[in-house]
């Protein structure tokens, strides 16, 4: 299942979650600020090692770093991850 590392205050996260719901893509919502240090560090590493960026996605061990919401961009990345 798709894991979505997100923050409740992030507008790009909200748009991504809305997209997943609208397109019937099952996902686990993971509030990044409530995660243990090792999970936060993994998300930081995926995003270049400076800080965490959301929404960061993980599916079957494949990662997509955080990006601003763009539906076409998200669709292309979901295809690369094997979700679409």
PDB file of N, CA and C in Angstrom:
ATOM      1  N   UNK A   1       0.842  -1.187   0.000  1.00  0.00           N
ATOM      2  CA  UNK A   1       0.000   0.000   0.000  1.00  0.00           C
ATOM      3  C   UNK A   1       0.882   1.244   0.000  1.00  0.00           C
ATOM      4  N   UNK A   2       0.367   2.294  -0.602  1.00  0.00           N
ATOM      5  CA  UNK A   2       1.059   3.573  -0.670  1.00  0.00           C
ATOM      6  C   UNK A   2       1.102   4.215   0.711  1.00  0.00           C
ATOM      7  N   UNK A   3       2.288   4.625   1.131  1.00  0.00           N
ATOM      8  CA  UNK A   3       2.454   5.386   2.376  1.00  0.00           C
ATOM      9  C   UNK A   3       2.669   6.845   2.014  1.00  0.00           C
ATOM     10  N   UNK A   4       1.883   7.719   2.631  1.00  0.00           N
ATOM     11  CA  UNK A   4       1.953   9.150   2.373  1.00  0.00           C
ATOM     12  C   UNK A   4       2.427   9.832   3.651  1.00  0.00           C
ATOM     13  N   UNK A   5       3.669  10.298   3.642  1.00  0.00           N
ATOM     14  CA  UNK A   5       4.214  11.047   4.772  1.00  0.00           C
ATOM     15  C   UNK A   5       3.834  12.498   4.541  1.00  0.00           C
ATOM     16  N   UNK A   6       3.034  13.045   5.450  1.00  0.00           N
ATOM     17  CA  UNK A   6       2.432  14.351   5.222  1.00  0.00           C
ATOM     18  C   UNK A   6       2.327  15.116   6.533  1.00  0.00           C
ATOM     19  N   UNK A   7       1.882  16.370   6.406  1.00  0.00           N
ATOM     20  CA  UNK A   7       1.634  17.222   7.576  1.00  0.00           C
ATOM     21  C   UNK A   7       0.250  17.844   7.413  1.00  0.00           C
ATOM     22  N   UNK A   8      -0.487  17.889   8.502  1.00  0.00           N
ATOM     23  CA  UNK A   8      -1.874  18.377   8.438  1.00  0.00           C
ATOM     24  C   UNK A   8      -1.965  19.830   7.985  1.00  0.00           C
ATOM     25  N   UNK A   9      -0.920  20.606   8.149  1.00  0.00           N
ATOM     26  CA  UNK A   9      -0.933  22.021   7.783  1.00  0.00           C
ATOM     27  C   UNK A   9      -0.476  22.262   6.341  1.00  0.00           C
ATOM     28  N   UNK A  10      -0.082  21.210   5.632  1.00  0.00           N
ATOM     29  CA  UNK A  10       0.518  21.327   4.292  1.00  0.00           C
ATOM     30  C   UNK A  10      -0.556  21.294   3.196  1.00  0.00           C
ATOM     31  N   UNK A  11      -0.704  22.374   2.428  1.00  0.00           N
ATOM     32  CA  UNK A  11      -1.722  22.386   1.374  1.00  0.00           C
ATOM     33  C   UNK A  11      -1.430  21.381   0.254  1.00  0.00           C
ATOM     34  N   UNK A  12      -0.174  21.131  -0.043  1.00  0.00           N
ATOM     35  CA  UNK A  12       0.183  20.164  -1.089  1.00  0.00           C
ATOM     36  C   UNK A  12      -0.158  18.743  -0.642  1.00  0.00           C
ATOM     37  N   UNK A  13      -0.016  18.483   0.640  1.00  0.00           N
ATOM     38  CA  UNK A  13      -0.407  17.182   1.188  1.00  0.00           C
ATOM     39  C   UNK A  13      -1.914  16.994   1.072  1.00  0.00           C
ATOM     40  N   UNK A  14      -2.668  18.022   1.415  1.00  0.00           N
ATOM     41  CA  UNK A  14      -4.131  17.945   1.344  1.00  0.00           C
ATOM     42  C   UNK A  14      -4.586  17.678  -0.085  1.00  0.00           C
ATOM     43  N   UNK A  15      -3.955  18.335  -1.050  1.00  0.00           N
ATOM     44  CA  UNK A  15      -4.317  18.132  -2.452  1.00  0.00           C
ATOM     45  C   UNK A  15      -3.963  16.718  -2.901  1.00  0.00           C
ATOM     46  N   UNK A  16      -2.816  16.204  -2.461  1.00  0.00           N
ATOM     47  CA  UNK A  16      -2.423  14.839  -2.822  1.00  0.00           C
ATOM     48  C   UNK A  16      -3.402  13.834  -2.225  1.00  0.00           C
ATOM     49  N   UNK A  17      -3.754  14.005  -0.959  1.00  0.00           N
ATOM     50  CA  UNK A  17      -4.703  13.107  -0.296  1.00  0.00           C
ATOM     51  C   UNK A  17      -6.053  13.153  -1.013  1.00  0.00           C
ATOM     52  N   UNK A  18      -6.496  14.341  -1.387  1.00  0.00           N
ATOM     53  CA  UNK A  18      -7.755  14.483  -2.127  1.00  0.00           C
ATOM     54  C   UNK A  18      -7.674  13.733  -3.463  1.00  0.00           C
ATOM     55  N   UNK A  19      -6.539  13.833  -4.141  1.00  0.00           N
ATOM     56  CA  UNK A  19      -6.336  13.132  -5.409  1.00  0.00           C
ATOM     57  C   UNK A  19      -6.435  11.615  -5.210  1.00  0.00           C
ATOM     58  N   UNK A  20      -5.768  11.100  -4.172  1.00  0.00           N
ATOM     59  CA  UNK A  20      -5.801   9.656  -3.922  1.00  0.00           C
ATOM     60  C   UNK A  20      -7.219   9.180  -3.641  1.00  0.00           C
ATOM     61  N   UNK A  21      -7.951   9.937  -2.847  1.00  0.00           N
ATOM     62  CA  UNK A  21      -9.334   9.572  -2.533  1.00  0.00           C
ATOM     63  C   UNK A  21     -10.202   9.608  -3.784  1.00  0.00           C
ATOM     64  N   UNK A  22     -10.096  10.674  -4.553  1.00  0.00           N
ATOM     65  CA  UNK A  22     -10.900  10.853  -5.756  1.00  0.00           C
ATOM     66  C   UNK A  22     -10.649   9.732  -6.773  1.00  0.00           C
ATOM     67  N   UNK A  23      -9.405   9.255  -6.815  1.00  0.00           N
ATOM     68  CA  UNK A  23      -9.031   8.235  -7.787  1.00  0.00           C
ATOM     69  C   UNK A  23      -8.989   6.829  -7.196  1.00  0.00           C
ATOM     70  N   UNK A  24      -9.534   6.682  -5.996  1.00  0.00           N
ATOM     71  CA  UNK A  24      -9.656   5.369  -5.344  1.00  0.00           C
ATOM     72  C   UNK A  24      -8.312   4.649  -5.230  1.00  0.00           C
ATOM     73  N   UNK A  25      -7.285   5.410  -4.851  1.00  0.00           N
ATOM     74  CA  UNK A  25      -5.953   4.848  -4.620  1.00  0.00           C
ATOM     75  C   UNK A  25      -5.808   4.658  -3.113  1.00  0.00           C
ATOM     76  N   UNK A  26      -5.759   3.402  -2.653  1.00  0.00           N
ATOM     77  CA  UNK A  26      -5.630   3.182  -1.205  1.00  0.00           C
ATOM     78  C   UNK A  26      -4.270   3.678  -0.692  1.00  0.00           C
ATOM     79  N   UNK A  27      -4.288   4.258   0.503  1.00  0.00           N
ATOM     80  CA  UNK A  27      -3.046   4.792   1.066  1.00  0.00           C
ATOM     81  C   UNK A  27      -3.118   4.815   2.583  1.00  0.00           C
ATOM     82  N   UNK A  28      -1.941   4.846   3.184  1.00  0.00           N
ATOM     83  CA  UNK A  28      -1.790   5.063   4.625  1.00  0.00           C
ATOM     84  C   UNK A  28      -1.309   6.494   4.810  1.00  0.00           C
ATOM     85  N   UNK A  29      -2.048   7.278   5.559  1.00  0.00           N
ATOM     86  CA  UNK A  29      -1.631   8.646   5.874  1.00  0.00           C
ATOM     87  C   UNK A  29      -0.756   8.599   7.116  1.00  0.00           C
ATOM     88  N   UNK A  30       0.446   9.145   7.018  1.00  0.00           N
ATOM     89  CA  UNK A  30       1.385   9.129   8.136  1.00  0.00           C
ATOM     90  C   UNK A  30       1.767  10.570   8.458  1.00  0.00           C
ATOM     91  N   UNK A  31       1.349  11.035   9.614  1.00  0.00           N
ATOM     92  CA  UNK A  31       1.651  12.405  10.058  1.00  0.00           C
ATOM     93  C   UNK A  31       3.132  12.475  10.424  1.00  0.00           C
ATOM     94  N   UNK A  32       3.912  13.181   9.616  1.00  0.00           N
ATOM     95  CA  UNK A  32       5.370  13.195   9.758  1.00  0.00           C
ATOM     96  C   UNK A  32       5.820  13.720  11.123  1.00  0.00           C
ATOM     97  N   UNK A  33       5.139  14.723  11.643  1.00  0.00           N
ATOM     98  CA  UNK A  33       5.577  15.332  12.900  1.00  0.00           C
ATOM     99  C   UNK A  33       5.325  14.443  14.113  1.00  0.00           C
ATOM    100  N   UNK A  34       4.636  13.332  13.928  1.00  0.00           N
ATOM    101  CA  UNK A  34       4.368  12.404  15.025  1.00  0.00           C
ATOM    102  C   UNK A  34       5.194  11.124  14.925  1.00  0.00           C
ATOM    103  N   UNK A  35       6.157  11.095  14.012  1.00  0.00           N
ATOM    104  CA  UNK A  35       6.940   9.884  13.777  1.00  0.00           C
ATOM    105  C   UNK A  35       8.216   9.867  14.615  1.00  0.00           C
ATOM    106  N   UNK A  36       8.714   8.650  14.887  1.00  0.00           N
ATOM    107  CA  UNK A  36       9.982   8.545  15.614  1.00  0.00           C
ATOM    108  C   UNK A  36      11.141   9.040  14.746  1.00  0.00           C
ATOM    109  N   UNK A  37      12.250   9.320  15.403  1.00  0.00           N
ATOM    110  CA  UNK A  37      13.418   9.898  14.739  1.00  0.00           C
ATOM    111  C   UNK A  37      13.902   9.096  13.542  1.00  0.00           C
ATOM    112  N   UNK A  38      13.853   7.759  13.607  1.00  0.00           N
ATOM    113  CA  UNK A  38      14.371   6.964  12.489  1.00  0.00           C
ATOM    114  C   UNK A  38      13.519   7.134  11.234  1.00  0.00           C
ATOM    115  N   UNK A  39      12.222   7.259  11.375  1.00  0.00           N
ATOM    116  CA  UNK A  39      11.338   7.480  10.227  1.00  0.00           C
ATOM    117  C   UNK A  39      11.569   8.879   9.658  1.00  0.00           C
ATOM    118  N   UNK A  40      11.646   9.861  10.532  1.00  0.00           N
ATOM    119  CA  UNK A  40      11.905  11.233  10.088  1.00  0.00           C
ATOM    120  C   UNK A  40      13.237  11.298   9.347  1.00  0.00           C
ATOM    121  N   UNK A  41      14.250  10.613   9.859  1.00  0.00           N
ATOM    122  CA  UNK A  41      15.558  10.626   9.200  1.00  0.00           C
ATOM    123  C   UNK A  41      15.485   9.992   7.811  1.00  0.00           C
ATOM    124  N   UNK A  42      14.712   8.925   7.651  1.00  0.00           N
ATOM    125  CA  UNK A  42      14.550   8.300   6.336  1.00  0.00           C
ATOM    126  C   UNK A  42      13.910   9.281   5.355  1.00  0.00           C
ATOM    127  N   UNK A  43      12.887   9.991   5.790  1.00  0.00           N
ATOM    128  CA  UNK A  43      12.227  10.971   4.928  1.00  0.00           C
ATOM    129  C   UNK A  43      13.196  12.113   4.598  1.00  0.00           C
ATOM    130  N   UNK A  44      13.998  12.538   5.552  1.00  0.00           N
ATOM    131  CA  UNK A  44      15.031  13.552   5.290  1.00  0.00           C
ATOM    132  C   UNK A  44      16.006  13.044   4.243  1.00  0.00           C
ATOM    133  N   UNK A  45      16.468  11.811   4.381  1.00  0.00           N
ATOM    134  CA  UNK A  45      17.423  11.233   3.431  1.00  0.00           C
ATOM    135  C   UNK A  45      16.839  11.164   2.023  1.00  0.00           C
ATOM    136  N   UNK A  46      15.593  10.745   1.921  1.00  0.00           N
ATOM    137  CA  UNK A  46      14.917  10.649   0.613  1.00  0.00           C
ATOM    138  C   UNK A  46      14.850  12.022  -0.052  1.00  0.00           C
ATOM    139  N   UNK A  47      14.750  13.065   0.756  1.00  0.00           N
ATOM    140  CA  UNK A  47      14.615  14.424   0.240  1.00  0.00           C
ATOM    141  C   UNK A  47      15.931  15.189   0.183  1.00  0.00           C
ATOM    142  N   UNK A  48      17.034  14.504   0.105  1.00  0.00           N
ATOM    143  CA  UNK A  48      18.315  15.160  -0.108  1.00  0.00           C
ATOM    144  C   UNK A  48      19.168  15.377   1.114  1.00  0.00           C
ATOM    145  N   UNK A  49      18.674  15.003   2.296  1.00  0.00           N
ATOM    146  CA  UNK A  49      19.497  15.023   3.490  1.00  0.00           C
ATOM    147  C   UNK A  49      19.509  16.294   4.299  1.00  0.00           C
ATOM    148  N   UNK A  50      18.788  17.339   3.882  1.00  0.00           N
ATOM    149  CA  UNK A  50      18.805  18.589   4.643  1.00  0.00           C
ATOM    150  C   UNK A  50      17.628  18.716   5.594  1.00  0.00           C
ATOM    151  N   UNK A  51      16.442  18.326   5.129  1.00  0.00           N
ATOM    152  CA  UNK A  51      15.231  18.444   5.943  1.00  0.00           C
ATOM    153  C   UNK A  51      14.157  17.580   5.298  1.00  0.00           C
ATOM    154  N   UNK A  52      13.092  17.293   6.039  1.00  0.00           N
ATOM    155  CA  UNK A  52      12.001  16.539   5.434  1.00  0.00           C
ATOM    156  C   UNK A  52      11.136  17.468   4.617  1.00  0.00           C
ATOM    157  N   UNK A  53      10.582  16.916   3.555  1.00  0.00           N
ATOM    158  CA  UNK A  53       9.690  17.645   2.661  1.00  0.00           C
ATOM    159  C   UNK A  53       8.474  16.760   2.451  1.00  0.00           C
ATOM    160  N   UNK A  54       7.288  17.344   2.500  1.00  0.00           N
ATOM    161  CA  UNK A  54       6.068  16.557   2.338  1.00  0.00           C
ATOM    162  C   UNK A  54       5.230  17.129   1.200  1.00  0.00           C
ATOM    163  N   UNK A  55       4.420  16.310   0.559  1.00  0.00           N
ATOM    164  CA  UNK A  55       4.202  14.896   0.824  1.00  0.00           C
ATOM    165  C   UNK A  55       5.284  14.022   0.191  1.00  0.00           C
ATOM    166  N   UNK A  56       5.884  13.180   0.997  1.00  0.00           N
ATOM    167  CA  UNK A  56       6.825  12.173   0.524  1.00  0.00           C
ATOM    168  C   UNK A  56       6.063  10.859   0.445  1.00  0.00           C
ATOM    169  N   UNK A  57       6.264  10.136  -0.650  1.00  0.00           N
ATOM    170  CA  UNK A  57       5.530   8.901  -0.879  1.00  0.00           C
ATOM    171  C   UNK A  57       6.467   7.707  -0.885  1.00  0.00           C
ATOM    172  N   UNK A  58       5.955   6.562  -0.395  1.00  0.00           N
ATOM    173  CA  UNK A  58       6.703   5.303  -0.430  1.00  0.00           C
ATOM    174  C   UNK A  58       5.743   4.193  -0.830  1.00  0.00           C
ATOM    175  N   UNK A  59       6.184   3.367  -1.783  1.00  0.00           N
ATOM    176  CA  UNK A  59       5.373   2.242  -2.235  1.00  0.00           C
ATOM    177  C   UNK A  59       6.302   1.070  -2.533  1.00  0.00           C
ATOM    178  N   UNK A  60       6.146   0.000  -1.776  1.00  0.00           N
ATOM    179  CA  UNK A  60       6.960  -1.210  -1.963  1.00  0.00           C
ATOM    180  C   UNK A  60       8.458  -0.920  -2.008  1.00  0.00           C
ATOM    181  N   UNK A  61       8.914  -0.044  -1.122  1.00  0.00           N
ATOM    182  CA  UNK A  61      10.335   0.262  -1.028  1.00  0.00           C
ATOM    183  C   UNK A  61      10.834   1.297  -2.017  1.00  0.00           C
ATOM    184  N   UNK A  62       9.960   1.797  -2.900  1.00  0.00           N
ATOM    185  CA  UNK A  62      10.328   2.860  -3.839  1.00  0.00           C
ATOM    186  C   UNK A  62       9.811   4.178  -3.273  1.00  0.00           C
ATOM    187  N   UNK A  63      10.621   5.217  -3.385  1.00  0.00           N
ATOM    188  CA  UNK A  63      10.301   6.498  -2.763  1.00  0.00           C
ATOM    189  C   UNK A  63      10.144   7.611  -3.790  1.00  0.00           C
ATOM    190  N   UNK A  64       9.305   8.576  -3.463  1.00  0.00           N
ATOM    191  CA  UNK A  64       9.175   9.830  -4.211  1.00  0.00           C
ATOM    192  C   UNK A  64       9.321  10.946  -3.193  1.00  0.00           C
ATOM    193  N   UNK A  65      10.314  11.774  -3.387  1.00  0.00           N
ATOM    194  CA  UNK A  65      10.520  12.895  -2.480  1.00  0.00           C
ATOM    195  C   UNK A  65       9.372  13.885  -2.544  1.00  0.00           C
ATOM    196  N   UNK A  66       9.293  14.740  -1.547  1.00  0.00           N
ATOM    197  CA  UNK A  66       8.230  15.728  -1.478  1.00  0.00           C
ATOM    198  C   UNK A  66       8.306  16.736  -2.610  1.00  0.00           C
ATOM    199  N   UNK A  67       7.154  17.080  -3.136  1.00  0.00           N
ATOM    200  CA  UNK A  67       7.055  18.055  -4.229  1.00  0.00           C
ATOM    201  C   UNK A  67       5.788  18.872  -4.048  1.00  0.00           C
ATOM    202  N   UNK A  68       5.760  20.041  -4.682  1.00  0.00           N
ATOM    203  CA  UNK A  68       4.519  20.802  -4.726  1.00  0.00           C
ATOM    204  C   UNK A  68       3.519  19.997  -5.534  1.00  0.00           C
ATOM    205  N   UNK A  69       2.241  20.169  -5.237  1.00  0.00           N
ATOM    206  CA  UNK A  69       1.228  19.380  -5.922  1.00  0.00           C
ATOM    207  C   UNK A  69       1.071  19.840  -7.362  1.00  0.00           C
ATOM    208  N   UNK A  70       1.187  18.876  -8.262  1.00  0.00           N
ATOM    209  CA  UNK A  70       0.912  19.060  -9.678  1.00  0.00           C
ATOM    210  C   UNK A  70       0.340  17.728 -10.136  1.00  0.00           C
ATOM    211  N   UNK A  71      -0.910  17.723 -10.558  1.00  0.00           N
ATOM    212  CA  UNK A  71      -1.589  16.460 -10.847  1.00  0.00           C
ATOM    213  C   UNK A  71      -0.877  15.630 -11.904  1.00  0.00           C
ATOM    214  N   UNK A  72      -0.440  16.243 -12.988  1.00  0.00           N
ATOM    215  CA  UNK A  72       0.247  15.503 -14.047  1.00  0.00           C
ATOM    216  C   UNK A  72       1.561  14.917 -13.534  1.00  0.00           C
ATOM    217  N   UNK A  73       2.307  15.716 -12.808  1.00  0.00           N
ATOM    218  CA  UNK A  73       3.570  15.259 -12.206  1.00  0.00           C
ATOM    219  C   UNK A  73       3.325  14.067 -11.277  1.00  0.00           C
ATOM    220  N   UNK A  74       2.286  14.177 -10.458  1.00  0.00           N
ATOM    221  CA  UNK A  74       1.956  13.103  -9.525  1.00  0.00           C
ATOM    222  C   UNK A  74       1.577  11.834 -10.282  1.00  0.00           C
ATOM    223  N   UNK A  75       0.771  11.966 -11.320  1.00  0.00           N
ATOM    224  CA  UNK A  75       0.383  10.798 -12.121  1.00  0.00           C
ATOM    225  C   UNK A  75       1.602  10.109 -12.722  1.00  0.00           C
ATOM    226  N   UNK A  76       2.512  10.871 -13.268  1.00  0.00           N
ATOM    227  CA  UNK A  76       3.725  10.287 -13.864  1.00  0.00           C
ATOM    228  C   UNK A  76       4.553   9.553 -12.810  1.00  0.00           C
ATOM    229  N   UNK A  77       4.683  10.168 -11.637  1.00  0.00           N
ATOM    230  CA  UNK A  77       5.444   9.539 -10.564  1.00  0.00           C
ATOM    231  C   UNK A  77       4.753   8.294 -10.034  1.00  0.00           C
ATOM    232  N   UNK A  78       3.420   8.299  -9.975  1.00  0.00           N
ATOM    233  CA  UNK A  78       2.689   7.117  -9.528  1.00  0.00           C
ATOM    234  C   UNK A  78       2.859   5.971 -10.519  1.00  0.00           C
ATOM    235  N   UNK A  79       2.942   6.291 -11.794  1.00  0.00           N
ATOM    236  CA  UNK A  79       3.215   5.263 -12.807  1.00  0.00           C
ATOM    237  C   UNK A  79       4.608   4.675 -12.602  1.00  0.00           C
ATOM    238  N   UNK A  80       5.586   5.527 -12.342  1.00  0.00           N
ATOM    239  CA  UNK A  80       6.956   5.058 -12.091  1.00  0.00           C
ATOM    240  C   UNK A  80       7.024   4.144 -10.866  1.00  0.00           C
ATOM    241  N   UNK A  81       6.212   4.473  -9.852  1.00  0.00           N
ATOM    242  CA  UNK A  81       6.195   3.665  -8.633  1.00  0.00           C
ATOM    243  C   UNK A  81       5.427   2.353  -8.816  1.00  0.00           C
ATOM    244  N   UNK A  82       4.657   2.244  -9.918  1.00  0.00           N
ATOM    245  CA  UNK A  82       3.888   1.032 -10.167  1.00  0.00           C
ATOM    246  C   UNK A  82       2.503   1.060  -9.563  1.00  0.00           C
ATOM    247  N   UNK A  83       1.992   2.248  -9.229  1.00  0.00           N
ATOM    248  CA  UNK A  83       0.678   2.372  -8.612  1.00  0.00           C
ATOM    249  C   UNK A  83      -0.400   2.523  -9.691  1.00  0.00           C
ATOM    250  N   UNK A  84      -0.090   3.230 -10.755  1.00  0.00           N
ATOM    251  CA  UNK A  84      -1.040   3.402 -11.863  1.00  0.00           C
ATOM    252  C   UNK A  84      -0.615   2.568 -13.053  1.00  0.00           C
TER     253      UNK A  84
END
